[in-house]
Amino acid sequence: MIIANIIALCILILGSFNWFCVGVFSWNFLSWIFGVGVFVRILYALVGIAGLYMLIILCIRRQHLFSRDDTMKR
């Protein structure tokens, strides 16, 4: 589970960097590297899936993220 979280987080960071470049510079990082085609669309789908996965993980674990008991034990 930890490996899946790390992979999803890395994909989200790269995807957010791409959208930052699109928003600020009007430059698409993924299209610049891979060109326009099916592979780039697959990468966009992976970014979306990673985002949904991390959202689900956040909703499942929100009890632990905002609990004072968890911070007191450390």
PDB file of N, CA and C in Angstrom:
ATOM      1  N   MET A   1       0.822  -1.190   0.000  1.00  0.00           N
ATOM      2  CA  MET A   1       0.000   0.000   0.000  1.00  0.00           C
ATOM      3  C   MET A   1       0.864   1.251   0.000  1.00  0.00           C
ATOM      4  N   ILE A   2       1.981   1.220   0.720  1.00  0.00           N
ATOM      5  CA  ILE A   2       2.855   2.392   0.769  1.00  0.00           C
ATOM      6  C   ILE A   2       3.464   2.659  -0.597  1.00  0.00           C
ATOM      7  N   ILE A   3       3.830   1.611  -1.316  1.00  0.00           N
ATOM      8  CA  ILE A   3       4.418   1.785  -2.644  1.00  0.00           C
ATOM      9  C   ILE A   3       3.400   2.395  -3.605  1.00  0.00           C
ATOM     10  N   ALA A   4       2.150   1.956  -3.526  1.00  0.00           N
ATOM     11  CA  ALA A   4       1.104   2.529  -4.375  1.00  0.00           C
ATOM     12  C   ALA A   4       0.895   4.002  -4.050  1.00  0.00           C
ATOM     13  N   ASN A   5       0.963   4.363  -2.774  1.00  0.00           N
ATOM     14  CA  ASN A   5       0.818   5.768  -2.392  1.00  0.00           C
ATOM     15  C   ASN A   5       1.965   6.611  -2.932  1.00  0.00           C
ATOM     16  N   ILE A   6       3.179   6.092  -2.874  1.00  0.00           N
ATOM     17  CA  ILE A   6       4.344   6.825  -3.372  1.00  0.00           C
ATOM     18  C   ILE A   6       4.256   7.004  -4.881  1.00  0.00           C
ATOM     19  N   ILE A   7       3.864   5.961  -5.588  1.00  0.00           N
ATOM     20  CA  ILE A   7       3.731   6.051  -7.052  1.00  0.00           C
ATOM     21  C   ILE A   7       2.649   7.061  -7.423  1.00  0.00           C
ATOM     22  N   ALA A   8       1.503   6.985  -6.756  1.00  0.00           N
ATOM     23  CA  ALA A   8       0.407   7.918  -7.041  1.00  0.00           C
ATOM     24  C   ALA A   8       0.821   9.351  -6.730  1.00  0.00           C
ATOM     25  N   LEU A   9       1.555   9.553  -5.650  1.00  0.00           N
ATOM     26  CA  LEU A   9       2.004  10.888  -5.296  1.00  0.00           C
ATOM     27  C   LEU A   9       2.996  11.433  -6.315  1.00  0.00           C
ATOM     28  N   CYS A  10       3.903  10.599  -6.795  1.00  0.00           N
ATOM     29  CA  CYS A  10       4.859  11.025  -7.825  1.00  0.00           C
ATOM     30  C   CYS A  10       4.144  11.395  -9.123  1.00  0.00           C
ATOM     31  N   ILE A  11       3.161  10.607  -9.511  1.00  0.00           N
ATOM     32  CA  ILE A  11       2.386  10.917 -10.719  1.00  0.00           C
ATOM     33  C   ILE A  11       1.636  12.227 -10.540  1.00  0.00           C
ATOM     34  N   LEU A  12       1.075  12.450  -9.356  1.00  0.00           N
ATOM     35  CA  LEU A  12       0.358  13.701  -9.103  1.00  0.00           C
ATOM     36  C   LEU A  12       1.290  14.900  -9.113  1.00  0.00           C
ATOM     37  N   ILE A  13       2.486  14.757  -8.594  1.00  0.00           N
ATOM     38  CA  ILE A  13       3.441  15.865  -8.603  1.00  0.00           C
ATOM     39  C   ILE A  13       3.830  16.208 -10.036  1.00  0.00           C
ATOM     40  N   LEU A  14       4.113  15.201 -10.852  1.00  0.00           N
ATOM     41  CA  LEU A  14       4.446  15.465 -12.251  1.00  0.00           C
ATOM     42  C   LEU A  14       3.262  16.069 -13.003  1.00  0.00           C
ATOM     43  N   GLY A  15       2.059  15.588 -12.728  1.00  0.00           N
ATOM     44  CA  GLY A  15       0.870  16.140 -13.367  1.00  0.00           C
ATOM     45  C   GLY A  15       0.607  17.576 -12.950  1.00  0.00           C
ATOM     46  N   SER A  16       0.818  17.871 -11.674  1.00  0.00           N
ATOM     47  CA  SER A  16       0.611  19.245 -11.225  1.00  0.00           C
ATOM     48  C   SER A  16       1.671  20.173 -11.791  1.00  0.00           C
ATOM     49  N   PHE A  17       2.892  19.686 -11.952  1.00  0.00           N
ATOM     50  CA  PHE A  17       3.937  20.485 -12.597  1.00  0.00           C
ATOM     51  C   PHE A  17       3.554  20.782 -14.051  1.00  0.00           C
ATOM     52  N   ASN A  18       3.010  19.785 -14.731  1.00  0.00           N
ATOM     53  CA  ASN A  18       2.580  19.985 -16.111  1.00  0.00           C
ATOM     54  C   ASN A  18       1.486  21.051 -16.184  1.00  0.00           C
ATOM     55  N   TRP A  19       0.493  20.975 -15.296  1.00  0.00           N
ATOM     56  CA  TRP A  19      -0.589  21.954 -15.339  1.00  0.00           C
ATOM     57  C   TRP A  19      -0.117  23.331 -14.892  1.00  0.00           C
ATOM     58  N   PHE A  20       0.873  23.399 -14.024  1.00  0.00           N
ATOM     59  CA  PHE A  20       1.470  24.685 -13.676  1.00  0.00           C
ATOM     60  C   PHE A  20       2.112  25.316 -14.904  1.00  0.00           C
ATOM     61  N   CYS A  21       2.845  24.507 -15.661  1.00  0.00           N
ATOM     62  CA  CYS A  21       3.482  25.010 -16.888  1.00  0.00           C
ATOM     63  C   CYS A  21       2.441  25.450 -17.916  1.00  0.00           C
ATOM     64  N   VAL A  22       1.355  24.711 -18.022  1.00  0.00           N
ATOM     65  CA  VAL A  22       0.288  25.079 -18.954  1.00  0.00           C
ATOM     66  C   VAL A  22      -0.361  26.391 -18.519  1.00  0.00           C
ATOM     67  N   GLY A  23      -0.632  26.534 -17.229  1.00  0.00           N
ATOM     68  CA  GLY A  23      -1.310  27.721 -16.740  1.00  0.00           C
ATOM     69  C   GLY A  23      -0.454  28.976 -16.770  1.00  0.00           C
ATOM     70  N   VAL A  24       0.815  28.854 -16.433  1.00  0.00           N
ATOM     71  CA  VAL A  24       1.665  30.028 -16.330  1.00  0.00           C
ATOM     72  C   VAL A  24       2.346  30.366 -17.652  1.00  0.00           C
ATOM     73  N   PHE A  25       2.870  29.356 -18.315  1.00  0.00           N
ATOM     74  CA  PHE A  25       3.677  29.594 -19.509  1.00  0.00           C
ATOM     75  C   PHE A  25       2.995  29.186 -20.815  1.00  0.00           C
ATOM     76  N   SER A  26       1.806  28.604 -20.749  1.00  0.00           N
ATOM     77  CA  SER A  26       1.114  28.053 -21.926  1.00  0.00           C
ATOM     78  C   SER A  26       2.002  27.049 -22.661  1.00  0.00           C
ATOM     79  N   TRP A  27       2.673  26.240 -21.894  1.00  0.00           N
ATOM     80  CA  TRP A  27       3.606  25.254 -22.419  1.00  0.00           C
ATOM     81  C   TRP A  27       3.285  23.899 -21.811  1.00  0.00           C
ATOM     82  N   ASN A  28       2.959  22.917 -22.647  1.00  0.00           N
ATOM     83  CA  ASN A  28       2.587  21.596 -22.185  1.00  0.00           C
ATOM     84  C   ASN A  28       3.837  20.716 -22.131  1.00  0.00           C
ATOM     85  N   PHE A  29       4.253  20.410 -20.922  1.00  0.00           N
ATOM     86  CA  PHE A  29       5.469  19.644 -20.682  1.00  0.00           C
ATOM     87  C   PHE A  29       5.376  18.235 -21.272  1.00  0.00           C
ATOM     88  N   LEU A  30       4.242  17.558 -21.065  1.00  0.00           N
ATOM     89  CA  LEU A  30       4.095  16.187 -21.556  1.00  0.00           C
ATOM     90  C   LEU A  30       4.066  16.124 -23.075  1.00  0.00           C
ATOM     91  N   SER A  31       3.383  17.061 -23.703  1.00  0.00           N
ATOM     92  CA  SER A  31       3.371  17.080 -25.169  1.00  0.00           C
ATOM     93  C   SER A  31       4.735  17.427 -25.734  1.00  0.00           C
ATOM     94  N   TRP A  32       5.496  18.229 -25.011  1.00  0.00           N
ATOM     95  CA  TRP A  32       6.841  18.577 -25.447  1.00  0.00           C
ATOM     96  C   TRP A  32       7.757  17.353 -25.418  1.00  0.00           C
ATOM     97  N   ILE A  33       7.605  16.514 -24.395  1.00  0.00           N
ATOM     98  CA  ILE A  33       8.460  15.328 -24.276  1.00  0.00           C
ATOM     99  C   ILE A  33       7.980  14.204 -25.188  1.00  0.00           C
ATOM    100  N   PHE A  34       6.684  13.887 -25.143  1.00  0.00           N
ATOM    101  CA  PHE A  34       6.169  12.704 -25.820  1.00  0.00           C
ATOM    102  C   PHE A  34       5.431  12.990 -27.123  1.00  0.00           C
ATOM    103  N   GLY A  35       5.219  14.248 -27.450  1.00  0.00           N
ATOM    104  CA  GLY A  35       4.468  14.574 -28.649  1.00  0.00           C
ATOM    105  C   GLY A  35       2.977  14.448 -28.394  1.00  0.00           C
ATOM    106  N   VAL A  36       2.211  14.584 -29.435  1.00  0.00           N
ATOM    107  CA  VAL A  36       0.757  14.490 -29.317  1.00  0.00           C
ATOM    108  C   VAL A  36       0.339  13.114 -29.811  1.00  0.00           C
ATOM    109  N   GLY A  37      -0.450  12.428 -29.039  1.00  0.00           N
ATOM    110  CA  GLY A  37      -0.887  11.108 -29.449  1.00  0.00           C
ATOM    111  C   GLY A  37      -1.572  10.357 -28.329  1.00  0.00           C
ATOM    112  N   VAL A  38      -1.698   9.082 -28.547  1.00  0.00           N
ATOM    113  CA  VAL A  38      -2.416   8.225 -27.600  1.00  0.00           C
ATOM    114  C   VAL A  38      -1.648   8.094 -26.291  1.00  0.00           C
ATOM    115  N   PHE A  39      -0.323   8.047 -26.361  1.00  0.00           N
ATOM    116  CA  PHE A  39       0.473   7.867 -25.150  1.00  0.00           C
ATOM    117  C   PHE A  39       0.284   9.024 -24.169  1.00  0.00           C
ATOM    118  N   VAL A  40       0.197  10.244 -24.671  1.00  0.00           N
ATOM    119  CA  VAL A  40      -0.014  11.404 -23.806  1.00  0.00           C
ATOM    120  C   VAL A  40      -1.396  11.336 -23.175  1.00  0.00           C
ATOM    121  N   ARG A  41      -2.381  10.886 -23.925  1.00  0.00           N
ATOM    122  CA  ARG A  41      -3.725  10.736 -23.365  1.00  0.00           C
ATOM    123  C   ARG A  41      -3.748   9.674 -22.275  1.00  0.00           C
ATOM    124  N   ILE A  42      -2.971   8.626 -22.434  1.00  0.00           N
ATOM    125  CA  ILE A  42      -2.856   7.602 -21.390  1.00  0.00           C
ATOM    126  C   ILE A  42      -2.211   8.192 -20.142  1.00  0.00           C
ATOM    127  N   LEU A  43      -1.194   9.034 -20.330  1.00  0.00           N
ATOM    128  CA  LEU A  43      -0.545   9.682 -19.186  1.00  0.00           C
ATOM    129  C   LEU A  43      -1.517  10.595 -18.451  1.00  0.00           C
ATOM    130  N   TYR A  44      -2.339  11.348 -19.212  1.00  0.00           N
ATOM    131  CA  TYR A  44      -3.352  12.191 -18.570  1.00  0.00           C
ATOM    132  C   TYR A  44      -4.345  11.336 -17.786  1.00  0.00           C
ATOM    133  N   ALA A  45      -4.723  10.199 -18.327  1.00  0.00           N
ATOM    134  CA  ALA A  45      -5.636   9.297 -17.623  1.00  0.00           C
ATOM    135  C   ALA A  45      -4.990   8.767 -16.346  1.00  0.00           C
ATOM    136  N   LEU A  46      -3.704   8.460 -16.401  1.00  0.00           N
ATOM    137  CA  LEU A  46      -2.992   7.993 -15.206  1.00  0.00           C
ATOM    138  C   LEU A  46      -2.945   9.073 -14.128  1.00  0.00           C
ATOM    139  N   VAL A  47      -2.755  10.317 -14.531  1.00  0.00           N
ATOM    140  CA  VAL A  47      -2.770  11.418 -13.566  1.00  0.00           C
ATOM    141  C   VAL A  47      -4.148  11.527 -12.919  1.00  0.00           C
ATOM    142  N   GLY A  48      -5.197  11.387 -13.701  1.00  0.00           N
ATOM    143  CA  GLY A  48      -6.547  11.428 -13.154  1.00  0.00           C
ATOM    144  C   GLY A  48      -6.833  10.276 -12.217  1.00  0.00           C
ATOM    145  N   ILE A  49      -6.406   9.087 -12.585  1.00  0.00           N
ATOM    146  CA  ILE A  49      -6.598   7.915 -11.727  1.00  0.00           C
ATOM    147  C   ILE A  49      -5.815   8.071 -10.428  1.00  0.00           C
ATOM    148  N   ALA A  50      -4.592   8.589 -10.526  1.00  0.00           N
ATOM    149  CA  ALA A  50      -3.783   8.811  -9.319  1.00  0.00           C
ATOM    150  C   ALA A  50      -4.448   9.835  -8.411  1.00  0.00           C
ATOM    151  N   GLY A  51      -5.041  10.868  -9.001  1.00  0.00           N
ATOM    152  CA  GLY A  51      -5.740  11.866  -8.206  1.00  0.00           C
ATOM    153  C   GLY A  51      -6.949  11.289  -7.487  1.00  0.00           C
ATOM    154  N   LEU A  52      -7.724  10.480  -8.192  1.00  0.00           N
ATOM    155  CA  LEU A  52      -8.876   9.838  -7.558  1.00  0.00           C
ATOM    156  C   LEU A  52      -8.443   8.872  -6.460  1.00  0.00           C
ATOM    157  N   TYR A  53      -7.377   8.138  -6.708  1.00  0.00           N
ATOM    158  CA  TYR A  53      -6.851   7.202  -5.710  1.00  0.00           C
ATOM    159  C   TYR A  53      -6.426   7.948  -4.448  1.00  0.00           C
ATOM    160  N   MET A  54      -5.690   9.052  -4.618  1.00  0.00           N
ATOM    161  CA  MET A  54      -5.235   9.804  -3.448  1.00  0.00           C
ATOM    162  C   MET A  54      -6.397  10.467  -2.724  1.00  0.00           C
ATOM    163  N   LEU A  55      -7.427  10.877  -3.460  1.00  0.00           N
ATOM    164  CA  LEU A  55      -8.615  11.436  -2.825  1.00  0.00           C
ATOM    165  C   LEU A  55      -9.327  10.387  -1.982  1.00  0.00           C
ATOM    166  N   ILE A  56      -9.435   9.178  -2.489  1.00  0.00           N
ATOM    167  CA  ILE A  56     -10.063   8.084  -1.729  1.00  0.00           C
ATOM    168  C   ILE A  56      -9.242   7.759  -0.490  1.00  0.00           C
ATOM    169  N   ILE A  57      -7.921   7.693  -0.646  1.00  0.00           N
ATOM    170  CA  ILE A  57      -7.054   7.423   0.507  1.00  0.00           C
ATOM    171  C   ILE A  57      -7.202   8.524   1.549  1.00  0.00           C
ATOM    172  N   LEU A  58      -7.274   9.774   1.104  1.00  0.00           N
ATOM    173  CA  LEU A  58      -7.445  10.884   2.035  1.00  0.00           C
ATOM    174  C   LEU A  58      -8.771  10.784   2.779  1.00  0.00           C
ATOM    175  N   CYS A  59      -9.843  10.427   2.071  1.00  0.00           N
ATOM    176  CA  CYS A  59     -11.145  10.289   2.724  1.00  0.00           C
ATOM    177  C   CYS A  59     -11.165   9.125   3.703  1.00  0.00           C
ATOM    178  N   ILE A  60     -10.508   8.044   3.364  1.00  0.00           N
ATOM    179  CA  ILE A  60     -10.480   6.880   4.256  1.00  0.00           C
ATOM    180  C   ILE A  60      -9.667   7.178   5.503  1.00  0.00           C
ATOM    181  N   ARG A  61      -8.553   7.857   5.340  1.00  0.00           N
ATOM    182  CA  ARG A  61      -7.640   8.079   6.461  1.00  0.00           C
ATOM    183  C   ARG A  61      -7.784   9.442   7.118  1.00  0.00           C
ATOM    184  N   ARG A  62      -8.830  10.183   6.821  1.00  0.00           N
ATOM    185  CA  ARG A  62      -8.958  11.524   7.391  1.00  0.00           C
ATOM    186  C   ARG A  62      -9.081  11.488   8.902  1.00  0.00           C
ATOM    187  N   GLN A  63      -9.605  10.403   9.434  1.00  0.00           N
ATOM    188  CA  GLN A  63      -9.703  10.260  10.882  1.00  0.00           C
ATOM    189  C   GLN A  63      -8.313  10.288  11.508  1.00  0.00           C
ATOM    190  N   HIS A  64      -7.351   9.638  10.863  1.00  0.00           N
ATOM    191  CA  HIS A  64      -5.996   9.579  11.395  1.00  0.00           C
ATOM    192  C   HIS A  64      -5.227  10.872  11.122  1.00  0.00           C
ATOM    193  N   LEU A  65      -5.560  11.566  10.053  1.00  0.00           N
ATOM    194  CA  LEU A  65      -4.835  12.784   9.707  1.00  0.00           C
ATOM    195  C   LEU A  65      -5.130  13.923  10.666  1.00  0.00           C
ATOM    196  N   PHE A  66      -6.373  14.000  11.160  1.00  0.00           N
ATOM    197  CA  PHE A  66      -6.772  15.125  11.971  1.00  0.00           C
ATOM    198  C   PHE A  66      -7.051  14.742  13.425  1.00  0.00           C
ATOM    199  N   SER A  67      -6.574  13.596  13.842  1.00  0.00           N
ATOM    200  CA  SER A  67      -6.815  13.133  15.198  1.00  0.00           C
ATOM    201  C   SER A  67      -5.711  13.642  16.123  1.00  0.00           C
ATOM    202  N   ARG A  68      -6.096  14.146  17.272  1.00  0.00           N
ATOM    203  CA  ARG A  68      -5.104  14.603  18.241  1.00  0.00           C
ATOM    204  C   ARG A  68      -4.458  13.433  18.968  1.00  0.00           C
ATOM    205  N   ASP A  69      -5.166  12.325  19.078  1.00  0.00           N
ATOM    206  CA  ASP A  69      -4.624  11.157  19.765  1.00  0.00           C
ATOM    207  C   ASP A  69      -3.395  10.624  19.046  1.00  0.00           C
ATOM    208  N   ASP A  70      -3.397  10.683  17.719  1.00  0.00           N
ATOM    209  CA  ASP A  70      -2.273  10.177  16.950  1.00  0.00           C
ATOM    210  C   ASP A  70      -1.014  11.029  17.190  1.00  0.00           C
ATOM    211  N   THR A  71      -1.169  12.325  17.325  1.00  0.00           N
ATOM    212  CA  THR A  71      -0.013  13.177  17.547  1.00  0.00           C
ATOM    213  C   THR A  71       0.469  13.090  18.992  1.00  0.00           C
ATOM    214  N   MET A  72      -0.418  12.803  19.897  1.00  0.00           N
ATOM    215  CA  MET A  72      -0.031  12.693  21.305  1.00  0.00           C
ATOM    216  C   MET A  72       0.806  11.445  21.569  1.00  0.00           C
ATOM    217  N   LYS A  73       0.589  10.374  20.799  1.00  0.00           N
ATOM    218  CA  LYS A  73       1.315   9.117  21.019  1.00  0.00           C
ATOM    219  C   LYS A  73       2.766   9.225  20.614  1.00  0.00           C
ATOM    220  N   ARG A  74       3.082  10.121  19.714  1.00  0.00           N
ATOM    221  CA  ARG A  74       4.463  10.245  19.218  1.00  0.00           C
ATOM    222  C   ARG A  74       5.261  11.003  20.184  1.00  0.00           C
TER     223      ARG A  74
END
